[in-house]
Protein backbone atom coordinates (compact mmCIF):
# COMPACT_ATOMS: atom_id res chain seq x y z
CA MET A 1 -29.99 -111.30 -2.42
CA LEU A 2 -32.00 -108.27 -3.52
CA VAL A 3 -31.16 -104.96 -1.85
CA ARG A 4 -33.67 -102.15 -2.22
CA LEU A 5 -32.28 -98.63 -2.03
CA PRO A 6 -34.35 -95.99 -0.25
CA LYS A 7 -36.13 -93.57 -2.54
CA SER A 8 -34.65 -90.53 -0.81
CA LEU A 9 -31.12 -91.37 -1.97
CA PRO A 10 -30.48 -90.59 -5.64
CA HIS A 11 -28.40 -92.85 -7.82
CA PRO A 12 -24.69 -91.97 -7.75
CA GLU A 13 -24.53 -91.52 -11.52
CA ALA A 14 -27.45 -89.10 -11.43
CA GLN A 15 -25.60 -86.52 -9.33
CA PRO A 16 -25.31 -83.20 -11.24
CA LEU A 17 -21.93 -81.71 -11.91
CA HIS A 18 -21.45 -78.12 -10.72
CA ARG A 19 -18.72 -76.25 -12.58
CA GLY A 20 -19.97 -72.71 -12.32
CA ALA A 21 -18.33 -71.55 -9.09
CA PRO A 22 -14.77 -72.22 -7.94
CA ARG A 23 -14.02 -73.95 -4.67
CA PRO A 24 -13.31 -71.77 -1.64
CA MET A 25 -9.63 -72.78 -1.65
CA PRO A 26 -8.58 -70.64 -4.69
CA HIS A 27 -10.36 -67.62 -3.21
CA ALA A 28 -8.68 -68.08 0.15
CA PHE A 29 -5.26 -68.53 -1.44
CA SER A 30 -5.86 -65.49 -3.66
CA LEU A 31 -6.77 -63.40 -0.61
CA ILE A 32 -3.59 -64.50 1.17
CA LEU A 33 -1.48 -63.58 -1.86
CA GLY A 34 -3.23 -60.23 -2.14
CA LEU A 35 -2.57 -59.31 1.47
CA ALA A 36 1.04 -60.47 1.19
CA SER A 37 1.55 -58.35 -1.94
CA ILE A 38 0.17 -55.27 -0.16
CA LEU A 39 2.67 -55.78 2.66
CA LEU A 40 5.52 -56.46 0.23
CA PHE A 41 4.76 -53.48 -2.03
CA TRP A 42 3.62 -51.13 0.74
CA GLY A 43 6.13 -48.43 -0.18
CA PRO A 44 5.19 -47.81 -3.83
CA LEU A 45 1.48 -48.42 -3.15
CA GLN A 46 1.57 -45.75 -0.44
CA GLN A 47 3.28 -43.36 -2.86
CA LEU A 48 0.59 -44.13 -5.46
CA VAL A 49 -2.27 -43.38 -3.06
CA SER A 50 -0.58 -40.18 -1.89
CA LEU A 51 -0.10 -39.08 -5.50
CA SER A 52 -3.77 -39.69 -6.29
CA LEU A 53 -4.98 -37.78 -3.23
CA ASN A 54 -2.63 -34.80 -3.52
CA ASP A 55 -2.31 -34.29 -7.29
CA GLN A 56 -5.59 -33.64 -9.09
CA ARG A 57 -4.18 -34.85 -12.39
CA TYR A 58 -4.03 -38.37 -10.92
CA SER A 59 -7.26 -38.29 -8.90
CA HIS A 60 -8.76 -41.09 -11.02
CA ILE A 61 -6.20 -43.65 -9.83
CA ILE A 62 -7.81 -44.28 -6.46
CA LEU A 63 -11.07 -45.36 -8.17
CA VAL A 64 -9.48 -47.84 -10.58
CA PRO A 65 -9.12 -50.83 -8.18
CA ALA A 66 -12.77 -50.56 -7.11
CA ILE A 67 -13.95 -50.47 -10.73
CA GLY A 68 -11.70 -53.40 -11.66
CA ALA A 69 -12.99 -55.48 -8.74
CA GLY A 70 -16.55 -54.60 -9.73
CA LEU A 71 -15.91 -55.76 -13.29
CA ILE A 72 -14.57 -59.11 -12.10
CA PHE A 73 -17.59 -59.52 -9.81
CA MET A 74 -20.01 -58.72 -12.64
CA GLU A 75 -18.29 -61.25 -14.94
CA ARG A 76 -17.59 -63.84 -12.24
CA ARG A 77 -19.59 -66.60 -13.96
CA LYS A 78 -17.48 -66.32 -17.09
CA VAL A 79 -14.19 -65.71 -15.29
CA PHE A 80 -14.49 -68.52 -12.73
CA ALA A 81 -16.29 -71.04 -14.93
CA ARG A 82 -13.25 -73.36 -14.99
CA ALA A 83 -11.17 -72.03 -12.15
CA ALA A 84 -8.33 -74.31 -11.10
CA PHE A 85 -4.81 -73.97 -9.75
CA ALA A 86 -2.08 -73.53 -12.35
CA ILE A 87 1.05 -74.20 -10.31
CA ALA A 88 3.72 -74.37 -13.00
CA PRO A 89 2.76 -71.41 -15.25
CA GLY A 90 1.63 -69.33 -12.27
CA LEU A 91 4.90 -69.75 -10.37
CA PHE A 92 6.89 -69.07 -13.53
CA LEU A 93 5.06 -65.81 -14.22
CA LEU A 94 5.12 -64.83 -10.55
CA SER A 95 8.87 -65.33 -10.22
CA GLY A 96 9.54 -63.37 -13.40
CA SER A 97 7.31 -60.51 -12.20
CA LEU A 98 9.06 -60.37 -8.84
CA VAL A 99 12.45 -60.22 -10.56
CA LEU A 100 11.17 -57.38 -12.76
CA TYR A 101 9.94 -55.51 -9.68
CA TRP A 102 13.33 -55.93 -7.98
CA LEU A 103 15.10 -54.59 -11.06
CA THR A 104 12.85 -51.51 -11.23
CA ARG A 105 13.54 -50.69 -7.59
CA HIS A 106 17.28 -51.33 -7.60
CA THR A 107 18.43 -50.28 -11.06
CA ALA A 108 20.01 -46.84 -11.14
CA GLN A 109 19.58 -46.44 -14.89
CA VAL A 110 15.81 -45.89 -14.58
CA PRO A 111 14.99 -42.14 -14.41
CA GLU A 112 13.51 -41.01 -11.11
CA THR A 113 10.29 -39.74 -12.73
CA TYR A 114 9.67 -43.21 -14.20
CA THR A 115 10.51 -45.24 -11.09
CA LEU A 116 7.00 -45.26 -9.60
CA SER A 117 5.39 -45.98 -12.97
CA MET A 118 7.61 -48.99 -13.64
CA ALA A 119 7.20 -50.24 -10.07
CA VAL A 120 3.39 -50.13 -10.33
CA LEU A 121 3.55 -51.89 -13.70
CA ALA A 122 5.65 -54.66 -12.15
CA ILE A 123 3.16 -54.93 -9.27
CA LEU A 124 0.32 -55.38 -11.74
CA LEU A 125 2.26 -58.18 -13.41
CA VAL A 126 2.70 -59.81 -10.00
CA TRP A 127 -1.05 -59.58 -9.37
CA ALA A 128 -1.86 -61.04 -12.80
CA SER A 129 0.58 -63.88 -12.16
CA GLY A 130 -1.00 -64.57 -8.79
CA PHE A 131 -4.43 -64.59 -10.45
CA ALA A 132 -3.20 -67.18 -12.95
CA LEU A 133 -1.68 -69.22 -10.14
CA CYS A 134 -4.94 -69.32 -8.15
CA TYR A 135 -7.50 -69.62 -10.95
CA GLY A 136 -5.68 -70.86 -14.03
CA VAL A 137 -4.74 -69.54 -17.44
CA GLU A 138 -8.29 -69.84 -18.82
CA ALA A 139 -9.59 -67.61 -16.02
CA LEU A 140 -6.78 -65.18 -16.79
CA ARG A 141 -7.93 -64.99 -20.41
CA ALA A 142 -11.57 -64.57 -19.36
CA ALA A 143 -10.63 -61.69 -17.03
CA ARG A 144 -8.36 -59.94 -19.51
CA PHE A 145 -10.42 -56.72 -19.71
CA PRO A 146 -10.68 -56.16 -15.91
CA LEU A 147 -6.99 -56.94 -15.53
CA LEU A 148 -6.00 -54.70 -18.44
CA PHE A 149 -8.24 -52.00 -17.00
CA LEU A 150 -5.93 -51.97 -13.97
CA LEU A 151 -3.22 -50.52 -16.22
CA LEU A 152 -4.83 -47.17 -15.45
CA LEU A 153 -3.18 -47.54 -12.04
CA VAL A 154 0.19 -46.90 -13.70
CA PRO A 155 0.81 -43.17 -13.23
CA ILE A 156 1.85 -41.30 -16.32
CA PRO A 157 5.27 -39.70 -15.68
CA PHE A 158 5.17 -36.02 -14.79
CA GLU A 159 6.84 -34.87 -17.99
CA ALA A 160 4.36 -36.74 -20.19
CA MET A 161 1.43 -35.62 -18.03
CA ASP A 162 2.48 -31.98 -18.41
CA LYS A 163 2.43 -32.41 -22.20
CA ILE A 164 -1.02 -34.00 -22.08
CA VAL A 165 -2.34 -31.14 -19.96
CA ALA A 166 -0.79 -28.62 -22.37
CA VAL A 167 -2.52 -30.29 -25.33
CA LEU A 168 -5.86 -30.23 -23.53
CA GLN A 169 -5.25 -26.63 -22.51
CA ARG A 170 -4.59 -25.50 -26.09
CA GLY A 171 -7.47 -27.60 -27.40
CA THR A 172 -9.86 -26.00 -24.89
CA ALA A 173 -8.62 -22.54 -25.89
CA GLU A 174 -9.18 -23.25 -29.59
CA ALA A 175 -12.64 -24.70 -28.96
CA THR A 176 -13.57 -21.69 -26.82
CA TYR A 177 -12.30 -19.31 -29.52
CA THR A 178 -14.36 -21.10 -32.17
CA MET A 179 -17.47 -20.98 -30.00
CA PHE A 180 -17.10 -17.25 -29.29
CA HIS A 181 -16.35 -16.58 -32.96
CA LEU A 182 -19.49 -18.40 -34.09
CA ALA A 183 -21.51 -16.48 -31.50
CA GLY A 184 -20.19 -13.17 -32.87
CA VAL A 185 -18.47 -12.11 -29.64
CA PRO A 186 -15.68 -9.56 -30.23
CA MET A 187 -12.46 -10.69 -28.62
CA PHE A 188 -8.68 -10.76 -28.76
CA LYS A 189 -6.87 -14.07 -28.33
CA ASP A 190 -3.26 -14.49 -27.26
CA GLY A 191 -2.37 -18.14 -26.79
CA VAL A 192 -4.66 -19.35 -24.03
CA ARG A 193 -5.70 -15.83 -22.97
CA PHE A 194 -8.85 -14.05 -24.14
CA GLU A 195 -9.78 -10.40 -23.87
CA LEU A 196 -13.57 -10.34 -24.01
CA PRO A 197 -16.08 -7.53 -23.48
CA GLY A 198 -16.12 -6.77 -19.78
CA ILE A 199 -13.62 -9.41 -18.65
CA GLY A 200 -10.43 -11.32 -19.49
CA ILE A 201 -10.17 -15.10 -19.40
CA GLU A 202 -7.16 -17.41 -19.23
CA VAL A 203 -7.46 -21.16 -19.77
CA ALA A 204 -5.13 -22.26 -16.99
CA ALA A 205 -3.70 -25.74 -16.54
CA GLU A 206 -6.27 -26.36 -13.83
CA CYS A 207 -9.02 -25.63 -16.39
CA SER A 208 -7.59 -27.92 -19.07
CA SER A 209 -10.43 -30.50 -18.69
CA ILE A 210 -8.00 -33.18 -17.44
CA HIS A 211 -10.55 -34.37 -14.87
CA SER A 212 -13.45 -34.65 -17.29
CA ALA A 213 -11.13 -36.21 -19.87
CA TRP A 214 -10.15 -38.98 -17.45
CA ALA A 215 -13.77 -39.52 -16.37
CA LEU A 216 -15.02 -39.67 -19.96
CA PHE A 217 -12.15 -41.90 -21.04
CA ILE A 218 -12.92 -44.43 -18.30
CA THR A 219 -16.65 -44.24 -19.10
CA GLY A 220 -15.88 -44.78 -22.78
CA LEU A 221 -13.77 -47.84 -22.00
CA LEU A 222 -16.60 -49.39 -19.97
CA LEU A 223 -19.28 -48.62 -22.56
CA ALA A 224 -17.10 -49.98 -25.35
CA HIS A 225 -16.49 -53.19 -23.40
CA TRP A 226 -20.18 -53.73 -22.70
CA PHE A 227 -21.82 -52.63 -25.95
CA LEU A 228 -19.26 -52.84 -28.78
CA LYS A 229 -17.70 -55.89 -30.39
CA SER A 230 -15.09 -54.72 -32.88
CA PRO A 231 -11.69 -53.62 -31.54
CA TRP A 232 -11.64 -50.70 -33.96
CA THR A 233 -14.96 -49.29 -32.77
CA LYS A 234 -13.83 -49.68 -29.16
CA ILE A 235 -10.62 -47.76 -29.87
CA CYS A 236 -12.58 -45.13 -31.81
CA LEU A 237 -15.01 -44.51 -28.95
CA SER A 238 -12.17 -44.25 -26.44
CA ILE A 239 -10.32 -41.69 -28.60
CA LEU A 240 -13.44 -39.61 -29.23
CA THR A 241 -13.87 -39.05 -25.50
CA VAL A 242 -10.97 -36.57 -25.58
CA PRO A 243 -12.51 -34.03 -28.03
CA THR A 244 -15.83 -34.51 -26.23
CA ALA A 245 -14.21 -33.46 -22.96
CA ILE A 246 -12.58 -30.45 -24.66
CA PHE A 247 -15.91 -29.33 -26.14
CA THR A 248 -17.64 -29.69 -22.76
CA ASN A 249 -14.95 -27.59 -21.10
CA ALA A 250 -15.34 -24.90 -23.75
CA VAL A 251 -19.09 -24.79 -23.07
CA ARG A 252 -18.29 -24.45 -19.37
CA ILE A 253 -15.98 -21.49 -19.97
CA GLY A 254 -18.50 -19.80 -22.24
CA THR A 255 -21.29 -20.29 -19.72
CA LEU A 256 -19.21 -18.84 -16.89
CA TRP A 257 -18.33 -15.79 -19.02
CA PHE A 258 -21.98 -15.22 -19.91
CA LEU A 259 -23.12 -15.48 -16.28
CA ALA A 260 -20.28 -13.25 -15.06
CA THR A 261 -21.00 -10.48 -17.58
CA ARG A 262 -24.80 -10.65 -17.62
CA VAL A 263 -25.70 -11.76 -14.07
CA ASP A 264 -22.93 -11.50 -11.46
CA PRO A 265 -19.11 -11.37 -11.74
CA ALA A 266 -18.93 -13.63 -8.68
CA PHE A 267 -19.68 -16.61 -10.91
CA LEU A 268 -16.02 -16.58 -11.96
CA PHE A 269 -14.94 -17.26 -8.39
CA GLY A 270 -17.84 -19.29 -7.00
CA ASN A 271 -18.66 -22.97 -6.65
CA LEU A 272 -19.85 -23.24 -10.24
CA HIS A 273 -16.33 -22.43 -11.40
CA HIS A 274 -14.39 -24.62 -8.98
CA ARG A 275 -16.84 -27.50 -8.40
CA GLY A 276 -19.16 -27.34 -11.39
CA GLY A 277 -17.30 -29.88 -13.50
CA ALA A 278 -19.71 -32.67 -12.61
CA LEU A 279 -22.67 -30.53 -13.64
CA PHE A 280 -21.19 -29.61 -17.02
CA SER A 281 -20.10 -33.21 -17.60
CA LEU A 282 -23.78 -34.06 -18.01
CA ILE A 283 -23.50 -32.37 -21.41
CA SER A 284 -20.91 -34.90 -22.52
CA LEU A 285 -23.00 -37.97 -21.65
CA PRO A 286 -25.58 -37.52 -24.48
CA ILE A 287 -22.71 -36.91 -26.89
CA LEU A 288 -20.96 -40.07 -25.74
CA LEU A 289 -24.16 -42.11 -26.01
CA GLY A 290 -24.77 -40.72 -29.50
CA LEU A 291 -21.28 -41.76 -30.57
CA LEU A 292 -21.89 -45.20 -29.07
CA CYS A 293 -25.16 -45.65 -31.02
CA SER A 294 -23.45 -44.55 -34.25
CA LEU A 295 -20.62 -47.02 -33.78
CA ARG A 296 -23.08 -49.82 -33.03
CA LYS A 297 -24.90 -49.04 -36.29
CA LEU A 298 -21.59 -49.17 -38.13
CA GLU A 299 -20.91 -52.59 -36.61
CA SER A 300 -24.34 -53.89 -37.62
CA HIS A 301 -23.95 -52.59 -41.19
CA GLY A 302 -20.51 -54.16 -41.38
CA SER A 303 -21.80 -57.53 -40.18
CA HIS A 304 -24.67 -57.44 -42.71
CA ARG A 305 -22.24 -56.66 -45.52
CA ARG A 306 -19.96 -59.52 -44.51
CA LYS A 307 -22.88 -61.93 -44.46
CA ALA A 308 -24.08 -60.72 -47.85
CA SER A 309 -20.60 -61.06 -49.36
CA GLU A 310 -20.26 -64.57 -47.93
CA GLU A 311 -23.62 -65.56 -49.43
CA ASP A 312 -22.64 -64.09 -52.80
CA ALA A 313 -19.34 -65.97 -52.67
CA CYS A 314 -21.19 -69.22 -51.99
CA LEU A 315 -23.59 -68.62 -54.88
CA THR A 316 -20.86 -67.72 -57.35
CA ALA A 317 -18.40 -70.40 -56.25
CA PRO A 318 -17.13 -72.58 -59.12
CA GLY A 319 -18.60 -76.04 -59.37
CA ARG A 320 -21.79 -75.02 -57.56
CA GLY A 321 -24.47 -77.66 -58.18
CA GLN A 322 -22.05 -80.20 -59.64
CA THR A 323 -21.46 -83.62 -58.16
CA ALA A 324 -18.13 -85.30 -57.78
CA THR A 325 -17.57 -89.03 -57.84
CA PHE A 326 -14.85 -90.53 -55.70
CA SER A 327 -13.58 -94.04 -56.33
C-alpha cells in the first residue's frame, strides 16, 4: 500500500539541528544556584557592597558584576554554543569551593584584614563551579575572560591598598614637578608638597589618581580583550594605564593651579577640584587609544615576520624538490 505524506510535513531527517542556544533548564538551574549563593554568602557580600559604597578606593567594585554579566551576554553565542550539564566535575569543584569558603571563615590563622578578600575569592570559585555545573566545562573555558574579570571583586587588603595609593601619590607628585619644571615655573618641592608662586599645593591621598587608575585599568582590560590577540600586548596595555592615569592627574593639578592663580582662587575648592575627575579623564582616552593602535601594529608586524620566517624555512628546508621512493 502506498502512503502519501502531506507536503506541509517535512521529512524527519531534514529537520535542522539547533545548537546555538542552551535549553531553558540550565538557565533556570543557574538562576536558582545564584539566588541560593546570595543567601548563603549574604554576610561577606553585604560587607563588600558596604566597602565599595563607603570607601572611595574600592568604588569600582560595585560596577564589576554588571560589566561581567554584560561581557557574558555579548559573548553568549560563543559561551553557550555547547552548553550542557556537567554533574561530576561541577559537583567536585563546587564541593571543594564550599570547603575553601568554610575554611576562610572559620580559620583563626587568617589575618583579619585578609578575611574578606579570601572569602570573596572563595565565593568566586563557588560561582565558577556552579557555572561549570550548569553549562559544562567547555562553556567555562569559553567564558574564562568574563569570569576572570570578576576577580576585580576581590578587595585588595587595606595595607596593600595604602601602599598602592602611596605609589600613585608619589608618582603624581613627580609628574607634576616635571611638568612645572618644563614650564619654567619657580617652585620648591618637599615630598608631595609644592610651594608655587601665589599658592601651596599638596598631593594628598585623595588626589592620588586611584579612581582614574581603576577606571583606566578596567577600560584597558576591556580594550585588550576586544582588540588585541597576544597575551604580552594585553599585559602591556593594562600596565601602561597606570602611568597614563598619573600623567592625567598631573595635568589636572597643573590646570587647577593655573586657574586658581590667574582666574579665581575658588577653583581649588570648587566642583572642578572635587568632581572634575571625569572631565580630565577625557585626556587619557586618546592616549589609551594611541597605545592600543601602537600595540596592534606591533602584533601585525610580528605576525608578518613569523609568516616570512616560516616561508623562508620552507624554501631552505633540506631535500626540497627531491622525491622519495618507498617500497
